[in-house]
C-alpha atoms as a PDB file:
ATOM      1  CA  MET A   1     230.441  29.070 237.581  1.00  0.00           C
ATOM      2  CA  ALA A   2     231.377  25.653 236.594  1.00  0.00           C
ATOM      3  CA  ASP A   3     232.287  26.839 232.959  1.00  0.00           C
ATOM      4  CA  LYS A   4     234.977  29.175 234.453  1.00  0.00           C
ATOM      5  CA  ASP A   5     236.795  25.977 235.848  1.00  0.00           C
ATOM      6  CA  LYS A   6     236.493  24.222 232.490  1.00  0.00           C
ATOM      7  CA  LYS A   7     240.105  24.201 230.904  1.00  0.00           C
ATOM      8  CA  MET A   8     240.457  25.246 227.214  1.00  0.00           C
ATOM      9  CA  THR A   9     242.055  22.743 224.831  1.00  0.00           C
ATOM     10  CA  VAL A  10     245.433  23.468 223.190  1.00  0.00           C
ATOM     11  CA  GLU A  11     243.491  23.754 219.918  1.00  0.00           C
ATOM     12  CA  GLU A  12     240.913  26.245 221.201  1.00  0.00           C
ATOM     13  CA  ALA A  13     243.743  28.377 222.712  1.00  0.00           C
ATOM     14  CA  GLY A  14     245.666  28.292 219.412  1.00  0.00           C
ATOM     15  CA  ARG A  15     242.424  29.369 217.530  1.00  0.00           C
ATOM     16  CA  LYS A  16     241.672  32.267 219.867  1.00  0.00           C
ATOM     17  CA  GLY A  17     245.184  33.514 219.774  1.00  0.00           C
ATOM     18  CA  GLY A  18     245.457  33.345 215.990  1.00  0.00           C
ATOM     19  CA  GLU A  19     242.107  35.250 215.714  1.00  0.00           C
ATOM     20  CA  ALA A  20     243.318  37.829 218.306  1.00  0.00           C
ATOM     21  CA  THR A  21     246.554  38.360 216.366  1.00  0.00           C
ATOM     22  CA  ALA A  22     244.729  38.479 212.955  1.00  0.00           C
ATOM     23  CA  ASP A  23     242.415  41.202 214.401  1.00  0.00           C
ATOM     24  CA  SER A  24     245.263  43.271 215.565  1.00  0.00           C
ATOM     25  CA  HIS A  25     247.772  43.056 212.989  1.00  0.00           C
ATOM     26  CA  ASP A  26     247.858  44.030 209.291  1.00  0.00           C
ATOM     27  CA  LYS A  27     249.264  42.383 206.031  1.00  0.00           C
ATOM     28  CA  GLU A  28     252.746  44.122 206.520  1.00  0.00           C
ATOM     29  CA  PHE A  29     253.158  42.309 209.922  1.00  0.00           C
ATOM     30  CA  TYR A  30     252.537  39.027 208.259  1.00  0.00           C
ATOM     31  CA  GLN A  31     254.810  39.806 205.478  1.00  0.00           C
ATOM     32  CA  GLU A  32     257.685  40.834 207.870  1.00  0.00           C
ATOM     33  CA  ILE A  33     257.456  37.754 209.989  1.00  0.00           C
ATOM     34  CA  GLY A  34     257.269  35.578 206.867  1.00  0.00           C
ATOM     35  CA  LYS A  35     260.296  37.325 205.651  1.00  0.00           C
ATOM     36  CA  LYS A  36     262.007  36.517 209.063  1.00  0.00           C
ATOM     37  CA  GLY A  37     261.047  32.878 209.106  1.00  0.00           C
ATOM     38  CA  GLY A  38     262.166  32.352 205.473  1.00  0.00           C
ATOM     39  CA  GLU A  39     265.645  33.917 206.265  1.00  0.00           C
ATOM     40  CA  SER A  40     265.870  31.903 209.441  1.00  0.00           C
ATOM     41  CA  THR A  41     265.129  28.768 207.589  1.00  0.00           C
ATOM     42  CA  ALA A  42     267.632  29.487 204.830  1.00  0.00           C
ATOM     43  CA  ASP A  43     270.385  30.120 207.512  1.00  0.00           C
ATOM     44  CA  ASN A  44     269.657  26.713 209.320  1.00  0.00           C
ATOM     45  CA  HIS A  45     269.262  24.432 206.258  1.00  0.00           C
ATOM     46  CA  ASP A  46     271.091  23.462 203.235  1.00  0.00           C
ATOM     47  CA  LYS A  47     270.406  22.841 199.616  1.00  0.00           C
ATOM     48  CA  GLU A  48     269.457  19.156 200.312  1.00  0.00           C
ATOM     49  CA  PHE A  49     266.597  20.289 202.765  1.00  0.00           C
ATOM     50  CA  TYR A  50     265.046  22.356 199.914  1.00  0.00           C
ATOM     51  CA  GLN A  51     265.549  19.716 197.514  1.00  0.00           C
ATOM     52  CA  GLU A  52     263.746  17.080 199.786  1.00  0.00           C
ATOM     53  CA  ILE A  53     260.788  19.391 200.547  1.00  0.00           C
ATOM     54  CA  GLY A  54     260.444  20.360 196.916  1.00  0.00           C
ATOM     55  CA  LYS A  55     260.350  16.714 196.062  1.00  0.00           C
ATOM     56  CA  LYS A  56     257.756  15.900 198.713  1.00  0.00           C
ATOM     57  CA  GLY A  57     255.518  18.922 197.563  1.00  0.00           C
ATOM     58  CA  GLY A  58     255.875  17.715 194.039  1.00  0.00           C
ATOM     59  CA  GLU A  59     254.821  14.115 194.900  1.00  0.00           C
ATOM     60  CA  ALA A  60     251.864  15.582 196.893  1.00  0.00           C
ATOM     61  CA  THR A  61     250.669  17.646 193.920  1.00  0.00           C
ATOM     62  CA  ALA A  62     251.069  14.812 191.686  1.00  0.00           C
ATOM     63  CA  ASP A  63     248.921  12.654 193.866  1.00  0.00           C
ATOM     64  CA  SER A  64     246.174  15.181 194.033  1.00  0.00           C
ATOM     65  CA  HIS A  65     246.109  16.789 190.481  1.00  0.00           C
ATOM     66  CA  ASP A  66     245.414  15.141 187.004  1.00  0.00           C
ATOM     67  CA  LYS A  67     246.926  15.789 183.540  1.00  0.00           C
ATOM     68  CA  ASP A  68     244.459  18.684 182.965  1.00  0.00           C
ATOM     69  CA  PHE A  69     245.858  20.601 185.784  1.00  0.00           C
ATOM     70  CA  TYR A  70     249.539  20.321 184.543  1.00  0.00           C
ATOM     71  CA  GLN A  71     248.102  21.384 180.957  1.00  0.00           C
ATOM     72  CA  GLU A  72     246.616  24.386 182.392  1.00  0.00           C
ATOM     73  CA  ILE A  73     249.444  25.565 184.579  1.00  0.00           C
ATOM     74  CA  GLY A  74     251.837  25.022 181.572  1.00  0.00           C
ATOM     75  CA  GLU A  75     249.668  27.129 179.374  1.00  0.00           C
ATOM     76  CA  LYS A  76     249.407  29.780 181.990  1.00  0.00           C
ATOM     77  CA  GLY A  77     253.211  29.824 182.365  1.00  0.00           C
ATOM     78  CA  GLY A  78     253.861  29.769 178.652  1.00  0.00           C
ATOM     79  CA  ASN A  79     251.559  32.681 178.175  1.00  0.00           C
ATOM     80  CA  ALA A  80     253.103  34.683 181.016  1.00  0.00           C
ATOM     81  CA  ARG A  81     256.565  34.074 179.514  1.00  0.00           C
ATOM     82  CA  ALA A  82     255.592  35.199 176.056  1.00  0.00           C
ATOM     83  CA  LYS A  83     253.954  38.316 177.454  1.00  0.00           C
ATOM     84  CA  ASN A  84     257.188  39.247 179.338  1.00  0.00           C
ATOM     85  CA  ASN A  85     259.426  38.554 176.287  1.00  0.00           C
ATOM     86  CA  GLY A  86     256.978  40.650 174.216  1.00  0.00           C
ATOM     87  CA  GLU A  87     255.802  37.766 172.050  1.00  0.00           C
ATOM     88  CA  ASP A  88     252.205  36.905 170.799  1.00  0.00           C
END
């Protein structure tokens, strides 16, 4: 009985709610809410906002990855571009 009186933390409530949502919705649901969120963000922010978050993301990536990471993604990008352009 005492356990029923125990309050749930905000973190626990959020986790339980997220799990319930994940159990009852499919991939298309998440794609649609992501699209709506992206459109709303675009409507409410300007070019400078995107430049700033891009800069922060780039700095975070640079802090957590080494030279080999950039060589690997550069090679993958080059290969994908060559494939799309019909090159070898």
